[in-house]
Amino acid sequence: MLGLDEHFFTRKRGYATTLVDLRRNKVFDARLGRSEASLDGYLRQLPGKDNVRLIVMDLSETYRNIARQYFPRATIVADRFHVVRLVNQHFLKAWQAVHPEGRKNRGLLSLMRRHEWRLRPEQRDNLQRYLADYTGLGVGQVAATPLSPVFARRDRGPGRPIQQSKPANLIATVGYGPTSALSNRARIAA
């Protein structure tokens, strides 16, 4: 399992790409650059790249192309952080479409971003009343599978893939605090 991510290195040198052995939880290299051209020479000579079966990374087009070209036998998996961020962005867009004024209410936005267990009883009641008025946000699907165990397991650590027994589509629904790291509810539909 290979983790592939970028980070800002310095103003002079720009970005760097970090390669992580996720089985051993060890960074095994960091290379300056994040473009295919800047990493080409290094990746061509990387030993053991034919043995890589899984690459965990963000969903940037550049890294997807790199993974396809240099690790053709590997399955590409989005890392947890980027999946959560993407679902959060889509939820906020859907919320804007259903109730534009709700998105402008900073107190309500704060409630929506919190984990259920961090809400005081009166906050939970206020949020439930609001969500009852806007069923388009998915309140009717609260019976969905909790995602907290999938995304918040402490034994996995950053960059670890979300592994499932079969391919699945992730459909976010709203429970309490839907934008806080998918803290509550979603349905996993095959």
N, C-alpha and C. Protein backbone atom coordinates (compact mmCIF):
# COMPACT_ATOMS: atom_id res chain seq x y z
N MET A 1 0.85 -1.17 0.00
CA MET A 1 0.00 0.00 0.00
C MET A 1 0.89 1.23 0.00
N LEU A 2 0.59 2.11 -0.92
CA LEU A 2 1.38 3.33 -1.07
C LEU A 2 0.50 4.54 -0.82
N GLY A 3 0.96 5.45 -0.02
CA GLY A 3 0.30 6.74 0.17
C GLY A 3 1.04 7.78 -0.64
N LEU A 4 0.30 8.59 -1.35
CA LEU A 4 0.89 9.61 -2.22
C LEU A 4 0.20 10.92 -1.91
N ASP A 5 0.97 11.93 -1.48
CA ASP A 5 0.35 13.21 -1.15
C ASP A 5 1.34 14.33 -1.40
N GLU A 6 0.80 15.51 -1.50
CA GLU A 6 1.62 16.70 -1.72
C GLU A 6 1.58 17.55 -0.46
N HIS A 7 2.59 18.34 -0.30
CA HIS A 7 2.59 19.33 0.77
C HIS A 7 3.48 20.49 0.35
N PHE A 8 3.18 21.65 0.91
CA PHE A 8 3.96 22.83 0.60
C PHE A 8 5.29 22.72 1.31
N PHE A 9 6.37 22.88 0.55
CA PHE A 9 7.71 22.68 1.10
C PHE A 9 8.30 24.02 1.55
N THR A 10 8.64 24.86 0.60
CA THR A 10 9.14 26.21 0.90
C THR A 10 8.68 27.15 -0.20
N ARG A 11 8.77 28.44 0.08
CA ARG A 11 8.40 29.42 -0.96
C ARG A 11 9.31 29.31 -2.17
N LYS A 12 10.59 29.09 -1.91
CA LYS A 12 11.55 28.99 -3.02
C LYS A 12 11.35 27.73 -3.85
N ARG A 13 11.12 26.63 -3.18
CA ARG A 13 11.06 25.34 -3.87
C ARG A 13 9.66 24.85 -4.16
N GLY A 14 8.66 25.45 -3.58
CA GLY A 14 7.28 25.08 -3.88
C GLY A 14 6.83 23.82 -3.16
N TYR A 15 6.15 22.96 -3.91
CA TYR A 15 5.55 21.75 -3.34
C TYR A 15 6.48 20.55 -3.42
N ALA A 16 6.19 19.59 -2.58
CA ALA A 16 6.91 18.32 -2.59
C ALA A 16 5.87 17.20 -2.57
N THR A 17 6.26 16.06 -3.09
CA THR A 17 5.41 14.86 -3.07
C THR A 17 5.99 13.89 -2.06
N THR A 18 5.14 13.39 -1.18
CA THR A 18 5.57 12.45 -0.16
C THR A 18 5.04 11.06 -0.51
N LEU A 19 5.90 10.07 -0.43
CA LEU A 19 5.52 8.68 -0.65
C LEU A 19 5.62 7.95 0.67
N VAL A 20 4.54 7.26 1.04
CA VAL A 20 4.45 6.62 2.34
C VAL A 20 4.14 5.14 2.16
N ASP A 21 4.87 4.30 2.89
CA ASP A 21 4.55 2.88 2.96
C ASP A 21 3.49 2.74 4.04
N LEU A 22 2.26 2.53 3.65
CA LEU A 22 1.15 2.50 4.61
C LEU A 22 1.09 1.21 5.42
N ARG A 23 1.74 0.18 4.96
CA ARG A 23 1.78 -1.05 5.78
C ARG A 23 2.66 -0.85 7.00
N ARG A 24 3.74 -0.10 6.82
CA ARG A 24 4.69 0.12 7.92
C ARG A 24 4.51 1.50 8.57
N ASN A 25 3.61 2.30 8.03
CA ASN A 25 3.40 3.67 8.51
C ASN A 25 4.69 4.48 8.51
N LYS A 26 5.43 4.39 7.42
CA LYS A 26 6.71 5.08 7.31
C LYS A 26 6.78 5.87 6.00
N VAL A 27 7.24 7.10 6.11
CA VAL A 27 7.54 7.88 4.92
C VAL A 27 8.83 7.31 4.35
N PHE A 28 8.79 6.90 3.08
CA PHE A 28 10.03 6.35 2.53
C PHE A 28 10.70 7.30 1.57
N ASP A 29 9.99 8.36 1.15
CA ASP A 29 10.66 9.37 0.34
C ASP A 29 9.79 10.60 0.20
N ALA A 30 10.46 11.72 0.00
CA ALA A 30 9.79 12.99 -0.32
C ALA A 30 10.58 13.62 -1.45
N ARG A 31 9.90 13.95 -2.51
CA ARG A 31 10.56 14.50 -3.70
C ARG A 31 10.01 15.88 -4.00
N LEU A 32 10.88 16.79 -4.38
CA LEU A 32 10.42 18.12 -4.76
C LEU A 32 9.59 18.03 -6.03
N GLY A 33 8.53 18.81 -6.06
CA GLY A 33 7.65 18.85 -7.23
C GLY A 33 6.41 18.01 -7.02
N ARG A 34 5.39 18.37 -7.78
CA ARG A 34 4.15 17.59 -7.73
C ARG A 34 3.60 17.32 -9.12
N SER A 35 4.34 17.72 -10.13
CA SER A 35 3.89 17.47 -11.50
C SER A 35 4.47 16.15 -12.01
N GLU A 36 3.85 15.65 -13.03
CA GLU A 36 4.32 14.40 -13.62
C GLU A 36 5.73 14.57 -14.16
N ALA A 37 6.00 15.71 -14.77
CA ALA A 37 7.32 15.97 -15.34
C ALA A 37 8.40 15.98 -14.26
N SER A 38 8.11 16.60 -13.12
CA SER A 38 9.12 16.69 -12.06
C SER A 38 9.37 15.36 -11.36
N LEU A 39 8.42 14.44 -11.42
CA LEU A 39 8.56 13.15 -10.75
C LEU A 39 8.90 12.00 -11.69
N ASP A 40 8.90 12.26 -12.99
CA ASP A 40 9.08 11.22 -13.99
C ASP A 40 10.35 10.38 -13.79
N GLY A 41 11.48 11.03 -13.71
CA GLY A 41 12.76 10.31 -13.58
C GLY A 41 12.79 9.44 -12.33
N TYR A 42 12.31 9.97 -11.24
CA TYR A 42 12.30 9.23 -9.98
C TYR A 42 11.36 8.02 -10.07
N LEU A 43 10.15 8.23 -10.57
CA LEU A 43 9.17 7.16 -10.60
C LEU A 43 9.52 6.05 -11.59
N ARG A 44 10.20 6.40 -12.67
CA ARG A 44 10.63 5.37 -13.63
C ARG A 44 11.58 4.36 -12.97
N GLN A 45 12.42 4.85 -12.06
CA GLN A 45 13.43 3.99 -11.45
C GLN A 45 13.04 3.49 -10.06
N LEU A 46 11.86 3.77 -9.62
CA LEU A 46 11.41 3.37 -8.29
C LEU A 46 11.33 1.84 -8.20
N PRO A 47 12.10 1.23 -7.30
CA PRO A 47 12.05 -0.24 -7.20
C PRO A 47 10.74 -0.70 -6.54
N GLY A 48 10.23 -1.83 -7.00
CA GLY A 48 9.05 -2.44 -6.39
C GLY A 48 7.72 -1.83 -6.79
N LYS A 49 7.73 -0.94 -7.77
CA LYS A 49 6.45 -0.30 -8.13
C LYS A 49 5.47 -1.29 -8.76
N ASP A 50 5.95 -2.38 -9.31
CA ASP A 50 5.05 -3.40 -9.86
C ASP A 50 4.32 -4.18 -8.77
N ASN A 51 4.83 -4.11 -7.55
CA ASN A 51 4.21 -4.83 -6.43
C ASN A 51 3.13 -4.00 -5.72
N VAL A 52 3.02 -2.73 -6.07
CA VAL A 52 2.03 -1.86 -5.41
C VAL A 52 0.65 -2.23 -5.93
N ARG A 53 -0.24 -2.59 -5.01
CA ARG A 53 -1.60 -2.99 -5.37
C ARG A 53 -2.64 -1.94 -5.01
N LEU A 54 -2.28 -1.00 -4.12
CA LEU A 54 -3.22 0.00 -3.65
C LEU A 54 -2.50 1.31 -3.44
N ILE A 55 -3.06 2.39 -3.99
CA ILE A 55 -2.50 3.72 -3.79
C ILE A 55 -3.59 4.59 -3.15
N VAL A 56 -3.25 5.16 -2.00
CA VAL A 56 -4.16 6.04 -1.28
C VAL A 56 -3.67 7.46 -1.51
N MET A 57 -4.58 8.33 -2.01
CA MET A 57 -4.15 9.68 -2.37
C MET A 57 -5.35 10.60 -2.47
N ASP A 58 -5.08 11.89 -2.71
CA ASP A 58 -6.18 12.80 -2.99
C ASP A 58 -6.64 12.52 -4.43
N LEU A 59 -7.65 13.21 -4.86
CA LEU A 59 -8.22 12.89 -6.17
C LEU A 59 -7.77 13.85 -7.27
N SER A 60 -6.59 14.42 -7.13
CA SER A 60 -6.11 15.35 -8.15
C SER A 60 -5.86 14.58 -9.46
N GLU A 61 -6.16 15.24 -10.54
CA GLU A 61 -5.98 14.63 -11.86
C GLU A 61 -4.51 14.26 -12.10
N THR A 62 -3.60 15.11 -11.64
CA THR A 62 -2.17 14.84 -11.82
C THR A 62 -1.77 13.54 -11.14
N TYR A 63 -2.14 13.36 -9.88
CA TYR A 63 -1.77 12.14 -9.18
C TYR A 63 -2.49 10.91 -9.72
N ARG A 64 -3.71 11.09 -10.19
CA ARG A 64 -4.39 9.94 -10.81
C ARG A 64 -3.65 9.50 -12.06
N ASN A 65 -3.21 10.45 -12.88
CA ASN A 65 -2.44 10.11 -14.08
C ASN A 65 -1.12 9.44 -13.72
N ILE A 66 -0.45 9.96 -12.70
CA ILE A 66 0.80 9.35 -12.24
C ILE A 66 0.56 7.91 -11.79
N ALA A 67 -0.49 7.71 -11.02
CA ALA A 67 -0.79 6.36 -10.53
C ALA A 67 -1.08 5.41 -11.68
N ARG A 68 -1.86 5.85 -12.64
CA ARG A 68 -2.19 4.98 -13.79
C ARG A 68 -0.94 4.63 -14.60
N GLN A 69 -0.07 5.61 -14.80
CA GLN A 69 1.10 5.39 -15.65
C GLN A 69 2.19 4.58 -14.95
N TYR A 70 2.52 4.91 -13.72
CA TYR A 70 3.66 4.29 -13.05
C TYR A 70 3.30 3.11 -12.16
N PHE A 71 2.03 2.98 -11.80
CA PHE A 71 1.57 1.88 -10.95
C PHE A 71 0.32 1.26 -11.58
N PRO A 72 0.45 0.69 -12.77
CA PRO A 72 -0.73 0.23 -13.51
C PRO A 72 -1.49 -0.90 -12.84
N ARG A 73 -0.87 -1.64 -11.95
CA ARG A 73 -1.55 -2.76 -11.29
C ARG A 73 -2.24 -2.34 -10.00
N ALA A 74 -2.11 -1.07 -9.62
CA ALA A 74 -2.64 -0.60 -8.34
C ALA A 74 -4.06 -0.05 -8.49
N THR A 75 -4.82 -0.24 -7.45
CA THR A 75 -6.15 0.36 -7.35
C THR A 75 -5.99 1.71 -6.67
N ILE A 76 -6.65 2.72 -7.20
CA ILE A 76 -6.58 4.06 -6.63
C ILE A 76 -7.72 4.22 -5.63
N VAL A 77 -7.37 4.67 -4.43
CA VAL A 77 -8.35 4.88 -3.37
C VAL A 77 -8.19 6.30 -2.84
N ALA A 78 -9.32 7.00 -2.71
CA ALA A 78 -9.28 8.35 -2.17
C ALA A 78 -9.03 8.29 -0.67
N ASP A 79 -8.21 9.18 -0.16
CA ASP A 79 -7.98 9.18 1.28
C ASP A 79 -9.18 9.78 2.00
N ARG A 80 -9.30 9.44 3.25
CA ARG A 80 -10.45 9.80 4.07
C ARG A 80 -10.68 11.31 4.10
N PHE A 81 -9.64 12.09 4.29
CA PHE A 81 -9.77 13.54 4.37
C PHE A 81 -10.45 14.10 3.13
N HIS A 82 -10.01 13.66 1.95
CA HIS A 82 -10.54 14.22 0.72
C HIS A 82 -11.96 13.72 0.43
N VAL A 83 -12.29 12.52 0.82
CA VAL A 83 -13.67 12.03 0.68
C VAL A 83 -14.60 12.88 1.54
N VAL A 84 -14.20 13.09 2.78
CA VAL A 84 -15.02 13.88 3.70
C VAL A 84 -15.19 15.30 3.16
N ARG A 85 -14.11 15.89 2.71
CA ARG A 85 -14.18 17.25 2.18
C ARG A 85 -15.11 17.34 0.98
N LEU A 86 -15.03 16.38 0.09
CA LEU A 86 -15.87 16.37 -1.10
C LEU A 86 -17.36 16.23 -0.74
N VAL A 87 -17.66 15.32 0.17
CA VAL A 87 -19.06 15.14 0.59
C VAL A 87 -19.55 16.40 1.30
N ASN A 88 -18.71 17.01 2.12
CA ASN A 88 -19.09 18.24 2.81
C ASN A 88 -19.43 19.34 1.80
N GLN A 89 -18.61 19.48 0.77
CA GLN A 89 -18.86 20.50 -0.26
C GLN A 89 -20.20 20.26 -0.95
N HIS A 90 -20.48 19.02 -1.27
CA HIS A 90 -21.75 18.71 -1.94
C HIS A 90 -22.94 18.92 -1.01
N PHE A 91 -22.78 18.59 0.26
CA PHE A 91 -23.86 18.84 1.20
C PHE A 91 -24.15 20.33 1.29
N LEU A 92 -23.10 21.15 1.40
CA LEU A 92 -23.31 22.59 1.51
C LEU A 92 -23.98 23.16 0.26
N LYS A 93 -23.65 22.64 -0.91
CA LYS A 93 -24.33 23.06 -2.15
C LYS A 93 -25.80 22.67 -2.12
N ALA A 94 -26.08 21.45 -1.68
CA ALA A 94 -27.47 20.99 -1.60
C ALA A 94 -28.25 21.83 -0.60
N TRP A 95 -27.63 22.13 0.51
CA TRP A 95 -28.27 22.97 1.53
C TRP A 95 -28.59 24.34 0.96
N GLN A 96 -27.66 24.91 0.22
CA GLN A 96 -27.87 26.22 -0.42
C GLN A 96 -29.06 26.16 -1.36
N ALA A 97 -29.22 25.08 -2.08
CA ALA A 97 -30.34 24.95 -3.02
C ALA A 97 -31.68 24.79 -2.28
N VAL A 98 -31.67 24.06 -1.16
CA VAL A 98 -32.90 23.80 -0.42
C VAL A 98 -33.32 25.01 0.40
N HIS A 99 -32.36 25.66 1.07
CA HIS A 99 -32.69 26.79 1.92
C HIS A 99 -31.51 27.77 1.95
N PRO A 100 -31.48 28.71 0.99
CA PRO A 100 -30.36 29.65 0.90
C PRO A 100 -30.15 30.48 2.18
N GLU A 101 -31.25 30.84 2.84
CA GLU A 101 -31.13 31.65 4.05
C GLU A 101 -30.48 30.87 5.20
N GLY A 102 -30.73 29.57 5.25
CA GLY A 102 -30.15 28.74 6.31
C GLY A 102 -28.63 28.76 6.27
N ARG A 103 -28.07 28.76 5.08
CA ARG A 103 -26.62 28.78 4.92
C ARG A 103 -26.01 30.07 5.44
N LYS A 104 -26.78 31.15 5.45
CA LYS A 104 -26.26 32.44 5.90
C LYS A 104 -26.32 32.60 7.41
N ASN A 105 -27.02 31.71 8.09
CA ASN A 105 -27.16 31.78 9.54
C ASN A 105 -25.94 31.12 10.18
N ARG A 106 -25.07 31.93 10.76
CA ARG A 106 -23.80 31.41 11.29
C ARG A 106 -24.01 30.44 12.45
N GLY A 107 -25.02 30.70 13.28
CA GLY A 107 -25.30 29.79 14.39
C GLY A 107 -25.74 28.43 13.90
N LEU A 108 -26.61 28.43 12.89
CA LEU A 108 -27.08 27.18 12.31
C LEU A 108 -25.95 26.44 11.60
N LEU A 109 -25.13 27.18 10.90
CA LEU A 109 -23.97 26.58 10.23
C LEU A 109 -23.05 25.92 11.26
N SER A 110 -22.86 26.58 12.38
CA SER A 110 -22.04 26.01 13.45
C SER A 110 -22.64 24.70 13.98
N LEU A 111 -23.96 24.67 14.15
CA LEU A 111 -24.62 23.44 14.60
C LEU A 111 -24.48 22.32 13.59
N MET A 112 -24.62 22.66 12.31
CA MET A 112 -24.53 21.65 11.25
C MET A 112 -23.14 21.03 11.17
N ARG A 113 -22.14 21.78 11.57
CA ARG A 113 -20.76 21.28 11.46
C ARG A 113 -20.31 20.46 12.66
N ARG A 114 -21.07 20.42 13.71
CA ARG A 114 -20.65 19.73 14.93
C ARG A 114 -21.01 18.27 14.92
N HIS A 115 -20.20 17.51 15.64
CA HIS A 115 -20.53 16.11 15.88
C HIS A 115 -21.74 16.04 16.79
N GLU A 116 -22.54 15.04 16.62
CA GLU A 116 -23.75 14.88 17.43
C GLU A 116 -23.42 14.88 18.92
N TRP A 117 -22.39 14.21 19.31
CA TRP A 117 -22.05 14.08 20.73
C TRP A 117 -21.56 15.38 21.33
N ARG A 118 -21.27 16.40 20.50
CA ARG A 118 -20.83 17.70 21.02
C ARG A 118 -21.98 18.70 21.15
N LEU A 119 -23.16 18.30 20.78
CA LEU A 119 -24.31 19.20 20.87
C LEU A 119 -24.93 19.11 22.27
N ARG A 120 -25.21 20.28 22.84
CA ARG A 120 -25.96 20.30 24.09
C ARG A 120 -27.41 19.96 23.76
N PRO A 121 -28.20 19.50 24.73
CA PRO A 121 -29.59 19.11 24.46
C PRO A 121 -30.40 20.19 23.75
N GLU A 122 -30.26 21.45 24.16
CA GLU A 122 -31.03 22.52 23.51
C GLU A 122 -30.56 22.75 22.07
N GLN A 123 -29.27 22.57 21.82
CA GLN A 123 -28.76 22.70 20.45
C GLN A 123 -29.31 21.57 19.58
N ARG A 124 -29.31 20.37 20.13
CA ARG A 124 -29.83 19.21 19.40
C ARG A 124 -31.31 19.43 19.06
N ASP A 125 -32.08 19.94 20.01
CA ASP A 125 -33.50 20.21 19.78
C ASP A 125 -33.69 21.26 18.69
N ASN A 126 -32.90 22.34 18.74
CA ASN A 126 -32.99 23.39 17.72
C ASN A 126 -32.67 22.84 16.34
N LEU A 127 -31.64 22.03 16.26
CA LEU A 127 -31.24 21.46 14.98
C LEU A 127 -32.31 20.50 14.46
N GLN A 128 -32.88 19.69 15.34
CA GLN A 128 -33.93 18.76 14.91
C GLN A 128 -35.16 19.52 14.40
N ARG A 129 -35.52 20.61 15.07
CA ARG A 129 -36.66 21.41 14.60
C ARG A 129 -36.38 21.99 13.22
N TYR A 130 -35.18 22.50 13.02
CA TYR A 130 -34.82 23.06 11.72
C TYR A 130 -34.87 21.99 10.63
N LEU A 131 -34.26 20.84 10.89
CA LEU A 131 -34.21 19.77 9.90
C LEU A 131 -35.59 19.19 9.62
N ALA A 132 -36.48 19.22 10.60
CA ALA A 132 -37.85 18.73 10.37
C ALA A 132 -38.59 19.62 9.37
N ASP A 133 -38.24 20.90 9.34
CA ASP A 133 -38.87 21.83 8.39
C ASP A 133 -38.31 21.69 6.98
N TYR A 134 -37.12 21.10 6.83
CA TYR A 134 -36.46 20.99 5.52
C TYR A 134 -36.11 19.53 5.25
N THR A 135 -37.13 18.74 4.97
CA THR A 135 -36.90 17.31 4.73
C THR A 135 -36.08 17.07 3.48
N GLY A 136 -35.97 18.04 2.60
CA GLY A 136 -35.13 17.91 1.42
C GLY A 136 -33.67 17.71 1.75
N LEU A 137 -33.30 17.99 2.97
CA LEU A 137 -31.91 17.77 3.38
C LEU A 137 -31.63 16.33 3.74
N GLY A 138 -32.64 15.47 3.70
CA GLY A 138 -32.40 14.05 3.90
C GLY A 138 -32.68 13.55 5.29
N VAL A 139 -33.44 14.30 6.08
CA VAL A 139 -33.71 13.87 7.44
C VAL A 139 -34.46 12.55 7.47
N GLY A 140 -35.25 12.29 6.46
CA GLY A 140 -36.02 11.06 6.42
C GLY A 140 -35.16 9.82 6.28
N GLN A 141 -33.88 9.98 6.04
CA GLN A 141 -33.00 8.83 5.85
C GLN A 141 -32.08 8.61 7.03
N VAL A 142 -32.52 9.02 8.22
CA VAL A 142 -31.69 8.89 9.41
C VAL A 142 -31.41 7.44 9.76
N ALA A 143 -32.22 6.53 9.25
CA ALA A 143 -32.03 5.11 9.54
C ALA A 143 -30.84 4.54 8.79
N ALA A 144 -30.06 5.38 8.19
CA ALA A 144 -28.91 4.94 7.40
C ALA A 144 -27.78 4.46 8.30
N THR A 145 -26.79 3.87 7.67
CA THR A 145 -25.64 3.33 8.38
C THR A 145 -24.78 4.44 8.94
N PRO A 146 -24.42 4.40 10.22
CA PRO A 146 -23.53 5.42 10.77
C PRO A 146 -22.14 5.30 10.14
N LEU A 147 -21.60 6.43 9.74
CA LEU A 147 -20.26 6.41 9.14
C LEU A 147 -19.16 6.69 10.16
N SER A 148 -19.52 7.06 11.35
CA SER A 148 -18.49 7.37 12.34
C SER A 148 -17.46 6.26 12.47
N PRO A 149 -17.87 4.99 12.58
CA PRO A 149 -16.85 3.95 12.71
C PRO A 149 -15.94 3.84 11.47
N VAL A 150 -16.46 4.18 10.32
CA VAL A 150 -15.67 4.06 9.09
C VAL A 150 -14.62 5.16 9.02
N PHE A 151 -15.04 6.41 9.33
CA PHE A 151 -14.14 7.54 9.15
C PHE A 151 -13.36 7.94 10.38
N ALA A 152 -13.82 7.59 11.55
CA ALA A 152 -13.20 8.12 12.75
C ALA A 152 -12.47 7.08 13.57
N ARG A 153 -12.19 5.92 13.03
CA ARG A 153 -11.47 4.92 13.81
C ARG A 153 -10.08 5.43 14.13
N ARG A 154 -9.75 5.42 15.37
CA ARG A 154 -8.47 5.98 15.82
C ARG A 154 -7.29 5.07 15.47
N ASP A 155 -7.53 3.79 15.28
CA ASP A 155 -6.43 2.86 15.02
C ASP A 155 -5.91 2.93 13.60
N ARG A 156 -6.57 3.70 12.75
CA ARG A 156 -6.13 3.75 11.37
C ARG A 156 -5.09 4.82 11.12
N GLY A 157 -5.23 5.99 11.64
CA GLY A 157 -4.26 7.04 11.42
C GLY A 157 -4.49 7.73 10.10
N PRO A 158 -3.83 8.87 9.89
CA PRO A 158 -4.04 9.66 8.68
C PRO A 158 -3.57 8.93 7.43
N GLY A 159 -4.28 9.15 6.36
CA GLY A 159 -3.89 8.59 5.08
C GLY A 159 -4.29 7.16 4.87
N ARG A 160 -4.90 6.53 5.86
CA ARG A 160 -5.29 5.14 5.69
C ARG A 160 -6.53 5.05 4.83
N PRO A 161 -6.63 4.03 4.01
CA PRO A 161 -7.78 3.92 3.11
C PRO A 161 -9.03 3.46 3.84
N ILE A 162 -10.14 3.78 3.23
CA ILE A 162 -11.42 3.26 3.70
C ILE A 162 -11.59 1.95 2.96
N GLN A 163 -11.59 0.85 3.66
CA GLN A 163 -11.69 -0.44 3.00
C GLN A 163 -13.08 -1.01 3.22
N GLN A 164 -13.64 -1.55 2.15
CA GLN A 164 -14.96 -2.15 2.23
C GLN A 164 -14.89 -3.50 1.54
N SER A 165 -15.82 -4.38 1.89
CA SER A 165 -15.79 -5.72 1.34
C SER A 165 -16.23 -5.78 -0.11
N LYS A 166 -16.97 -4.78 -0.57
CA LYS A 166 -17.38 -4.74 -1.98
C LYS A 166 -17.43 -3.29 -2.43
N PRO A 167 -17.35 -3.03 -3.72
CA PRO A 167 -17.43 -1.65 -4.19
C PRO A 167 -18.74 -1.03 -3.74
N ALA A 168 -18.68 0.24 -3.39
CA ALA A 168 -19.88 0.89 -2.89
C ALA A 168 -19.93 2.34 -3.32
N ASN A 169 -21.14 2.85 -3.37
CA ASN A 169 -21.34 4.27 -3.60
C ASN A 169 -21.69 4.89 -2.26
N LEU A 170 -21.19 6.08 -2.03
CA LEU A 170 -21.45 6.76 -0.78
C LEU A 170 -22.52 7.81 -1.03
N ILE A 171 -23.61 7.73 -0.30
CA ILE A 171 -24.67 8.71 -0.46
C ILE A 171 -24.85 9.38 0.89
N ALA A 172 -24.52 10.65 0.97
CA ALA A 172 -24.60 11.34 2.26
C ALA A 172 -26.04 11.70 2.57
N THR A 173 -26.38 11.54 3.80
CA THR A 173 -27.67 12.00 4.28
C THR A 173 -27.43 12.82 5.53
N VAL A 174 -28.41 13.54 5.94
CA VAL A 174 -28.22 14.45 7.04
C VAL A 174 -28.75 13.84 8.33
N GLY A 175 -27.91 13.83 9.32
CA GLY A 175 -28.33 13.52 10.68
C GLY A 175 -28.00 14.75 11.47
N TYR A 176 -27.26 14.61 12.51
CA TYR A 176 -26.79 15.76 13.26
C TYR A 176 -25.38 16.05 12.80
N GLY A 177 -25.03 17.30 12.62
CA GLY A 177 -23.68 17.69 12.26
C GLY A 177 -23.19 17.04 10.98
N PRO A 178 -23.94 17.13 9.87
CA PRO A 178 -23.59 16.38 8.68
C PRO A 178 -22.30 16.81 8.01
N THR A 179 -21.83 18.01 8.27
CA THR A 179 -20.62 18.44 7.59
C THR A 179 -19.36 18.24 8.42
N SER A 180 -19.48 17.70 9.60
CA SER A 180 -18.30 17.54 10.44
C SER A 180 -17.72 16.15 10.27
N ALA A 181 -16.88 16.02 9.30
CA ALA A 181 -16.19 14.76 9.03
C ALA A 181 -17.17 13.60 8.89
N LEU A 182 -18.28 13.87 8.22
CA LEU A 182 -19.32 12.85 8.03
C LEU A 182 -19.63 12.18 9.35
N SER A 183 -19.79 13.01 10.35
CA SER A 183 -19.86 12.48 11.71
C SER A 183 -21.02 11.56 11.97
N ASN A 184 -22.04 11.61 11.20
CA ASN A 184 -23.18 10.83 11.62
C ASN A 184 -23.67 9.81 10.63
N ARG A 185 -24.43 10.20 9.68
CA ARG A 185 -25.16 9.21 8.93
C ARG A 185 -24.88 9.28 7.43
N ALA A 186 -24.80 8.14 6.84
CA ALA A 186 -24.75 8.02 5.39
C ALA A 186 -25.19 6.61 5.07
N ARG A 187 -25.61 6.43 3.85
CA ARG A 187 -26.02 5.10 3.45
C ARG A 187 -24.97 4.60 2.46
N ILE A 188 -24.54 3.39 2.64
CA ILE A 188 -23.61 2.78 1.70
C ILE A 188 -24.44 1.83 0.86
N ALA A 189 -24.61 2.18 -0.41
CA ALA A 189 -25.43 1.38 -1.30
C ALA A 189 -24.55 0.71 -2.33
N ALA A 190 -24.70 -0.56 -2.49
CA ALA A 190 -23.87 -1.31 -3.44
C ALA A 190 -24.21 -0.93 -4.86
